[in-house]
Amino acid sequence: MSAESKFQELNLTLPPAPKPMGVYKPIVIVGTLAYLSGHGPLKEDKTLTVGRVGENMDLTAGYQAARETGLSLLSTLKASLGSLDRVQRVVKTLGFVNSADNFEDQPKVINGCSDLFAELYGTENGVGARSALPSNTLPGGIAVEIEMIVEIAPE
Protein backbone atom coordinates (compact mmCIF):
# COMPACT_ATOMS: atom_id res chain seq x y z
CA MET A 1 0.00 0.00 0.00
CA SER A 2 1.29 3.44 -0.87
CA ALA A 3 2.11 5.92 1.88
CA GLU A 4 -0.57 8.28 0.56
CA SER A 5 -3.20 5.51 0.78
CA LYS A 6 -1.98 4.44 4.21
CA PHE A 7 -2.14 8.07 5.38
CA GLN A 8 -5.81 8.25 4.37
CA GLU A 9 -6.54 4.84 5.89
CA LEU A 10 -5.08 6.06 9.21
CA ASN A 11 -7.43 9.07 8.95
CA LEU A 12 -4.58 11.52 9.51
CA THR A 13 -4.55 15.21 8.66
CA LEU A 14 -1.51 17.31 7.90
CA PRO A 15 -1.01 20.75 9.42
CA PRO A 16 0.04 23.50 7.01
CA ALA A 17 3.71 23.19 6.00
CA PRO A 18 5.61 25.34 8.51
CA LYS A 19 7.38 28.45 7.32
CA PRO A 20 10.97 29.13 8.43
CA MET A 21 11.22 31.10 11.67
CA GLY A 22 14.81 32.17 11.00
CA VAL A 23 17.51 32.05 8.36
CA TYR A 24 17.26 28.43 7.18
CA LYS A 25 15.39 26.18 4.78
CA PRO A 26 12.85 23.66 6.15
CA ILE A 27 14.20 21.03 3.74
CA VAL A 28 17.33 20.65 1.64
CA ILE A 29 17.59 17.87 -0.94
CA VAL A 30 21.00 16.54 -1.93
CA GLY A 31 20.84 13.68 -4.39
CA THR A 32 18.45 11.12 -2.92
CA LEU A 33 18.66 12.46 0.63
CA ALA A 34 16.28 15.04 2.11
CA TYR A 35 17.52 16.86 5.20
CA LEU A 36 14.70 18.32 7.27
CA SER A 37 15.44 21.14 9.69
CA GLY A 38 14.13 21.00 13.22
CA HIS A 39 10.32 21.02 13.29
CA GLY A 40 8.02 21.57 16.24
CA PRO A 41 4.61 20.23 17.23
CA LEU A 42 2.49 22.26 14.83
CA LYS A 43 -1.25 21.69 15.00
CA GLU A 44 -3.80 22.06 12.21
CA ASP A 45 -4.86 25.43 13.66
CA LYS A 46 -1.23 26.65 13.29
CA THR A 47 -0.61 26.76 17.06
CA LEU A 48 2.30 24.94 18.68
CA THR A 49 2.24 22.58 21.65
CA VAL A 50 4.32 24.15 24.41
CA GLY A 51 5.45 22.81 27.77
CA ARG A 52 8.11 20.85 29.63
CA VAL A 53 7.70 17.10 29.89
CA GLY A 54 7.96 16.01 33.50
CA GLU A 55 6.98 19.48 34.72
CA ASN A 56 3.68 20.67 33.21
CA MET A 57 3.26 17.84 30.66
CA ASP A 58 3.19 14.11 31.25
CA LEU A 59 4.75 11.40 29.08
CA THR A 60 1.51 10.87 27.12
CA ALA A 61 1.25 14.58 26.25
CA GLY A 62 4.93 14.58 25.23
CA TYR A 63 4.37 11.54 23.01
CA GLN A 64 1.43 13.32 21.36
CA ALA A 65 3.59 16.43 20.81
CA ALA A 66 6.21 14.25 19.08
CA ARG A 67 3.47 12.73 16.90
CA GLU A 68 2.31 16.27 15.98
CA THR A 69 5.92 17.06 15.10
CA GLY A 70 6.02 13.99 12.87
CA LEU A 71 2.94 15.27 11.05
CA SER A 72 4.66 18.64 10.63
CA LEU A 73 7.68 16.89 9.10
CA LEU A 74 5.37 14.97 6.77
CA SER A 75 3.71 18.24 5.76
CA THR A 76 7.07 19.68 4.71
CA LEU A 77 7.91 16.48 2.82
CA LYS A 78 4.60 16.50 0.95
CA ALA A 79 4.86 20.22 0.12
CA SER A 80 8.39 19.78 -1.21
CA LEU A 81 8.14 16.37 -2.87
CA GLY A 82 4.52 16.47 -4.05
CA SER A 83 3.75 13.04 -2.58
CA LEU A 84 4.56 11.10 0.57
CA ASP A 85 5.15 8.12 -1.72
CA ARG A 86 8.54 9.57 -2.73
CA VAL A 87 9.93 8.82 0.75
CA GLN A 88 11.87 5.57 0.47
CA ARG A 89 13.07 5.25 4.06
CA VAL A 90 13.85 7.11 7.25
CA VAL A 91 17.62 7.32 7.61
CA LYS A 92 18.06 9.32 10.85
CA THR A 93 15.90 11.09 13.40
CA LEU A 94 17.22 13.53 16.02
CA GLY A 95 14.70 14.52 18.67
CA PHE A 96 14.93 17.04 21.48
CA VAL A 97 12.48 17.02 24.38
CA ASN A 98 11.89 20.10 26.51
CA SER A 99 12.41 18.23 29.78
CA ALA A 100 12.29 18.80 33.51
CA ASP A 101 15.67 18.10 35.12
CA ASN A 102 14.55 14.76 36.54
CA PHE A 103 12.75 13.49 33.41
CA GLU A 104 14.63 10.61 31.77
CA ASP A 105 12.20 9.09 29.26
CA GLN A 106 13.05 11.18 26.18
CA PRO A 107 13.13 8.07 23.92
CA LYS A 108 9.54 7.23 24.94
CA VAL A 109 8.48 10.77 23.98
CA ILE A 110 10.20 10.69 20.58
CA ASN A 111 8.48 7.34 19.93
CA GLY A 112 5.44 9.49 19.09
CA CYS A 113 7.16 10.52 15.86
CA SER A 114 8.91 7.20 15.25
CA ASP A 115 5.67 5.22 15.68
CA LEU A 116 3.94 7.51 13.15
CA PHE A 117 6.60 6.90 10.50
CA ALA A 118 6.57 3.15 11.26
CA GLU A 119 2.77 3.09 10.79
CA LEU A 120 3.04 4.95 7.51
CA TYR A 121 6.12 3.32 5.95
CA GLY A 122 6.44 0.04 7.89
CA THR A 123 9.17 -0.85 10.37
CA GLU A 124 11.69 -1.74 7.67
CA ASN A 125 11.59 1.68 5.95
CA GLY A 126 9.90 3.91 8.54
CA VAL A 127 12.37 3.30 11.38
CA GLY A 128 15.94 4.53 11.07
CA ALA A 129 18.82 5.45 13.32
CA ARG A 130 17.73 7.79 16.10
CA SER A 131 18.81 9.94 19.02
CA ALA A 132 16.46 11.36 21.67
CA LEU A 133 17.94 14.07 23.87
CA PRO A 134 16.78 16.28 26.73
CA SER A 135 16.78 20.05 26.48
CA ASN A 136 16.20 22.54 29.27
CA THR A 137 14.30 24.73 26.80
CA LEU A 138 13.34 24.87 23.13
CA PRO A 139 12.40 27.81 20.87
CA GLY A 140 9.11 29.40 21.91
CA GLY A 141 8.78 26.89 24.74
CA ILE A 142 7.76 24.08 22.36
CA ALA A 143 7.64 20.62 23.89
CA VAL A 144 9.55 18.78 21.15
CA GLU A 145 11.81 19.56 18.21
CA ILE A 146 12.74 16.90 15.66
CA GLU A 147 14.95 16.92 12.59
CA MET A 148 15.28 14.07 10.10
CA ILE A 149 17.15 12.70 7.15
CA VAL A 150 15.10 10.62 4.71
CA GLU A 151 16.00 8.83 1.49
CA ILE A 152 13.76 9.83 -1.40
CA ALA A 153 12.99 8.39 -4.81
CA PRO A 154 14.26 10.43 -7.75
CA GLU A 155 11.65 12.48 -9.61
C-alpha atoms as a PDB file:
ATOM      1  CA  MET A   1       0.000   0.000   0.000  1.00  0.00           C
ATOM      2  CA  SER A   2       1.293   3.440  -0.867  1.00  0.00           C
ATOM      3  CA  ALA A   3       2.111   5.924   1.885  1.00  0.00           C
ATOM      4  CA  GLU A   4      -0.575   8.279   0.556  1.00  0.00           C
ATOM      5  CA  SER A   5      -3.196   5.511   0.778  1.00  0.00           C
ATOM      6  CA  LYS A   6      -1.981   4.438   4.213  1.00  0.00           C
ATOM      7  CA  PHE A   7      -2.142   8.069   5.382  1.00  0.00           C
ATOM      8  CA  GLN A   8      -5.806   8.252   4.368  1.00  0.00           C
ATOM      9  CA  GLU A   9      -6.539   4.840   5.888  1.00  0.00           C
ATOM     10  CA  LEU A  10      -5.081   6.057   9.209  1.00  0.00           C
ATOM     11  CA  ASN A  11      -7.430   9.069   8.952  1.00  0.00           C
ATOM     12  CA  LEU A  12      -4.579  11.517   9.510  1.00  0.00           C
ATOM     13  CA  THR A  13      -4.552  15.209   8.660  1.00  0.00           C
ATOM     14  CA  LEU A  14      -1.506  17.314   7.903  1.00  0.00           C
ATOM     15  CA  PRO A  15      -1.007  20.750   9.415  1.00  0.00           C
ATOM     16  CA  PRO A  16       0.044  23.501   7.009  1.00  0.00           C
ATOM     17  CA  ALA A  17       3.706  23.195   6.001  1.00  0.00           C
ATOM     18  CA  PRO A  18       5.605  25.343   8.507  1.00  0.00           C
ATOM     19  CA  LYS A  19       7.378  28.452   7.316  1.00  0.00           C
ATOM     20  CA  PRO A  20      10.969  29.135   8.430  1.00  0.00           C
ATOM     21  CA  MET A  21      11.223  31.102  11.670  1.00  0.00           C
ATOM     22  CA  GLY A  22      14.811  32.165  10.998  1.00  0.00           C
ATOM     23  CA  VAL A  23      17.511  32.053   8.362  1.00  0.00           C
ATOM     24  CA  TYR A  24      17.257  28.430   7.183  1.00  0.00           C
ATOM     25  CA  LYS A  25      15.392  26.176   4.784  1.00  0.00           C
ATOM     26  CA  PRO A  26      12.853  23.664   6.150  1.00  0.00           C
ATOM     27  CA  ILE A  27      14.198  21.030   3.739  1.00  0.00           C
ATOM     28  CA  VAL A  28      17.330  20.653   1.640  1.00  0.00           C
ATOM     29  CA  ILE A  29      17.591  17.875  -0.939  1.00  0.00           C
ATOM     30  CA  VAL A  30      21.000  16.538  -1.930  1.00  0.00           C
ATOM     31  CA  GLY A  31      20.844  13.676  -4.395  1.00  0.00           C
ATOM     32  CA  THR A  32      18.454  11.118  -2.918  1.00  0.00           C
ATOM     33  CA  LEU A  33      18.656  12.459   0.631  1.00  0.00           C
ATOM     34  CA  ALA A  34      16.280  15.036   2.110  1.00  0.00           C
ATOM     35  CA  TYR A  35      17.519  16.857   5.203  1.00  0.00           C
ATOM     36  CA  LEU A  36      14.701  18.315   7.267  1.00  0.00           C
ATOM     37  CA  SER A  37      15.436  21.144   9.685  1.00  0.00           C
ATOM     38  CA  GLY A  38      14.127  21.001  13.220  1.00  0.00           C
ATOM     39  CA  HIS A  39      10.324  21.024  13.291  1.00  0.00           C
ATOM     40  CA  GLY A  40       8.020  21.566  16.244  1.00  0.00           C
ATOM     41  CA  PRO A  41       4.606  20.225  17.233  1.00  0.00           C
ATOM     42  CA  LEU A  42       2.494  22.262  14.831  1.00  0.00           C
ATOM     43  CA  LYS A  43      -1.250  21.685  14.998  1.00  0.00           C
ATOM     44  CA  GLU A  44      -3.800  22.057  12.208  1.00  0.00           C
ATOM     45  CA  ASP A  45      -4.859  25.432  13.663  1.00  0.00           C
ATOM     46  CA  LYS A  46      -1.234  26.652  13.287  1.00  0.00           C
ATOM     47  CA  THR A  47      -0.607  26.759  17.057  1.00  0.00           C
ATOM     48  CA  LEU A  48       2.299  24.938  18.677  1.00  0.00           C
ATOM     49  CA  THR A  49       2.243  22.580  21.649  1.00  0.00           C
ATOM     50  CA  VAL A  50       4.318  24.153  24.407  1.00  0.00           C
ATOM     51  CA  GLY A  51       5.445  22.806  27.771  1.00  0.00           C
ATOM     52  CA  ARG A  52       8.106  20.854  29.634  1.00  0.00           C
ATOM     53  CA  VAL A  53       7.705  17.098  29.887  1.00  0.00           C
ATOM     54  CA  GLY A  54       7.956  16.009  33.498  1.00  0.00           C
ATOM     55  CA  GLU A  55       6.979  19.482  34.723  1.00  0.00           C
ATOM     56  CA  ASN A  56       3.683  20.673  33.212  1.00  0.00           C
ATOM     57  CA  MET A  57       3.259  17.844  30.657  1.00  0.00           C
ATOM     58  CA  ASP A  58       3.195  14.106  31.248  1.00  0.00           C
ATOM     59  CA  LEU A  59       4.753  11.405  29.077  1.00  0.00           C
ATOM     60  CA  THR A  60       1.508  10.872  27.125  1.00  0.00           C
ATOM     61  CA  ALA A  61       1.252  14.577  26.251  1.00  0.00           C
ATOM     62  CA  GLY A  62       4.932  14.579  25.227  1.00  0.00           C
ATOM     63  CA  TYR A  63       4.370  11.537  23.011  1.00  0.00           C
ATOM     64  CA  GLN A  64       1.432  13.324  21.360  1.00  0.00           C
ATOM     65  CA  ALA A  65       3.590  16.434  20.806  1.00  0.00           C
ATOM     66  CA  ALA A  66       6.206  14.252  19.078  1.00  0.00           C
ATOM     67  CA  ARG A  67       3.466  12.734  16.896  1.00  0.00           C
ATOM     68  CA  GLU A  68       2.305  16.269  15.982  1.00  0.00           C
ATOM     69  CA  THR A  69       5.916  17.063  15.102  1.00  0.00           C
ATOM     70  CA  GLY A  70       6.019  13.991  12.867  1.00  0.00           C
ATOM     71  CA  LEU A  71       2.935  15.274  11.052  1.00  0.00           C
ATOM     72  CA  SER A  72       4.657  18.639  10.632  1.00  0.00           C
ATOM     73  CA  LEU A  73       7.682  16.885   9.103  1.00  0.00           C
ATOM     74  CA  LEU A  74       5.367  14.970   6.767  1.00  0.00           C
ATOM     75  CA  SER A  75       3.713  18.242   5.756  1.00  0.00           C
ATOM     76  CA  THR A  76       7.075  19.677   4.709  1.00  0.00           C
ATOM     77  CA  LEU A  77       7.913  16.480   2.824  1.00  0.00           C
ATOM     78  CA  LYS A  78       4.601  16.502   0.953  1.00  0.00           C
ATOM     79  CA  ALA A  79       4.865  20.217   0.121  1.00  0.00           C
ATOM     80  CA  SER A  80       8.390  19.777  -1.206  1.00  0.00           C
ATOM     81  CA  LEU A  81       8.135  16.367  -2.869  1.00  0.00           C
ATOM     82  CA  GLY A  82       4.519  16.467  -4.047  1.00  0.00           C
ATOM     83  CA  SER A  83       3.754  13.045  -2.579  1.00  0.00           C
ATOM     84  CA  LEU A  84       4.562  11.101   0.574  1.00  0.00           C
ATOM     85  CA  ASP A  85       5.151   8.122  -1.725  1.00  0.00           C
ATOM     86  CA  ARG A  86       8.544   9.567  -2.728  1.00  0.00           C
ATOM     87  CA  VAL A  87       9.926   8.822   0.751  1.00  0.00           C
ATOM     88  CA  GLN A  88      11.870   5.574   0.466  1.00  0.00           C
ATOM     89  CA  ARG A  89      13.069   5.249   4.058  1.00  0.00           C
ATOM     90  CA  VAL A  90      13.846   7.114   7.247  1.00  0.00           C
ATOM     91  CA  VAL A  91      17.618   7.317   7.610  1.00  0.00           C
ATOM     92  CA  LYS A  92      18.061   9.316  10.845  1.00  0.00           C
ATOM     93  CA  THR A  93      15.899  11.094  13.404  1.00  0.00           C
ATOM     94  CA  LEU A  94      17.216  13.525  16.016  1.00  0.00           C
ATOM     95  CA  GLY A  95      14.696  14.516  18.667  1.00  0.00           C
ATOM     96  CA  PHE A  96      14.934  17.045  21.480  1.00  0.00           C
ATOM     97  CA  VAL A  97      12.484  17.017  24.378  1.00  0.00           C
ATOM     98  CA  ASN A  98      11.887  20.099  26.510  1.00  0.00           C
ATOM     99  CA  SER A  99      12.407  18.232  29.778  1.00  0.00           C
ATOM    100  CA  ALA A 100      12.292  18.798  33.510  1.00  0.00           C
ATOM    101  CA  ASP A 101      15.674  18.103  35.121  1.00  0.00           C
ATOM    102  CA  ASN A 102      14.550  14.759  36.543  1.00  0.00           C
ATOM    103  CA  PHE A 103      12.753  13.493  33.406  1.00  0.00           C
ATOM    104  CA  GLU A 104      14.635  10.606  31.773  1.00  0.00           C
ATOM    105  CA  ASP A 105      12.198   9.089  29.256  1.00  0.00           C
ATOM    106  CA  GLN A 106      13.050  11.180  26.183  1.00  0.00           C
ATOM    107  CA  PRO A 107      13.126   8.068  23.923  1.00  0.00           C
ATOM    108  CA  LYS A 108       9.539   7.231  24.938  1.00  0.00           C
ATOM    109  CA  VAL A 109       8.475  10.770  23.983  1.00  0.00           C
ATOM    110  CA  ILE A 110      10.200  10.693  20.579  1.00  0.00           C
ATOM    111  CA  ASN A 111       8.482   7.345  19.931  1.00  0.00           C
ATOM    112  CA  GLY A 112       5.436   9.488  19.091  1.00  0.00           C
ATOM    113  CA  CYS A 113       7.160  10.518  15.861  1.00  0.00           C
ATOM    114  CA  SER A 114       8.909   7.195  15.246  1.00  0.00           C
ATOM    115  CA  ASP A 115       5.674   5.218  15.679  1.00  0.00           C
ATOM    116  CA  LEU A 116       3.938   7.509  13.154  1.00  0.00           C
ATOM    117  CA  PHE A 117       6.602   6.899  10.495  1.00  0.00           C
ATOM    118  CA  ALA A 118       6.568   3.149  11.257  1.00  0.00           C
ATOM    119  CA  GLU A 119       2.772   3.093  10.785  1.00  0.00           C
ATOM    120  CA  LEU A 120       3.042   4.952   7.508  1.00  0.00           C
ATOM    121  CA  TYR A 121       6.123   3.325   5.954  1.00  0.00           C
ATOM    122  CA  GLY A 122       6.441   0.045   7.895  1.00  0.00           C
ATOM    123  CA  THR A 123       9.166  -0.853  10.369  1.00  0.00           C
ATOM    124  CA  GLU A 124      11.693  -1.738   7.670  1.00  0.00           C
ATOM    125  CA  ASN A 125      11.585   1.680   5.954  1.00  0.00           C
ATOM    126  CA  GLY A 126       9.900   3.909   8.542  1.00  0.00           C
ATOM    127  CA  VAL A 127      12.367   3.299  11.376  1.00  0.00           C
ATOM    128  CA  GLY A 128      15.943   4.530  11.070  1.00  0.00           C
ATOM    129  CA  ALA A 129      18.817   5.448  13.322  1.00  0.00           C
ATOM    130  CA  ARG A 130      17.734   7.788  16.101  1.00  0.00           C
ATOM    131  CA  SER A 131      18.809   9.942  19.018  1.00  0.00           C
ATOM    132  CA  ALA A 132      16.464  11.355  21.667  1.00  0.00           C
ATOM    133  CA  LEU A 133      17.943  14.073  23.865  1.00  0.00           C
ATOM    134  CA  PRO A 134      16.780  16.278  26.728  1.00  0.00           C
ATOM    135  CA  SER A 135      16.781  20.047  26.482  1.00  0.00           C
ATOM    136  CA  ASN A 136      16.201  22.538  29.269  1.00  0.00           C
ATOM    137  CA  THR A 137      14.297  24.729  26.805  1.00  0.00           C
ATOM    138  CA  LEU A 138      13.338  24.873  23.130  1.00  0.00           C
ATOM    139  CA  PRO A 139      12.398  27.812  20.875  1.00  0.00           C
ATOM    140  CA  GLY A 140       9.110  29.404  21.915  1.00  0.00           C
ATOM    141  CA  GLY A 141       8.784  26.894  24.742  1.00  0.00           C
ATOM    142  CA  ILE A 142       7.762  24.085  22.364  1.00  0.00           C
ATOM    143  CA  ALA A 143       7.637  20.619  23.893  1.00  0.00           C
ATOM    144  CA  VAL A 144       9.549  18.782  21.154  1.00  0.00           C
ATOM    145  CA  GLU A 145      11.811  19.561  18.214  1.00  0.00           C
ATOM    146  CA  ILE A 146      12.737  16.903  15.665  1.00  0.00           C
ATOM    147  CA  GLU A 147      14.951  16.917  12.588  1.00  0.00           C
ATOM    148  CA  MET A 148      15.277  14.066  10.100  1.00  0.00           C
ATOM    149  CA  ILE A 149      17.151  12.697   7.148  1.00  0.00           C
ATOM    150  CA  VAL A 150      15.097  10.618   4.709  1.00  0.00           C
ATOM    151  CA  GLU A 151      15.996   8.831   1.494  1.00  0.00           C
ATOM    152  CA  ILE A 152      13.757   9.832  -1.399  1.00  0.00           C
ATOM    153  CA  ALA A 153      12.989   8.392  -4.812  1.00  0.00           C
ATOM    154  CA  PRO A 154      14.265  10.430  -7.750  1.00  0.00           C
ATOM    155  CA  GLU A 155      11.655  12.483  -9.607  1.00  0.00           C
END
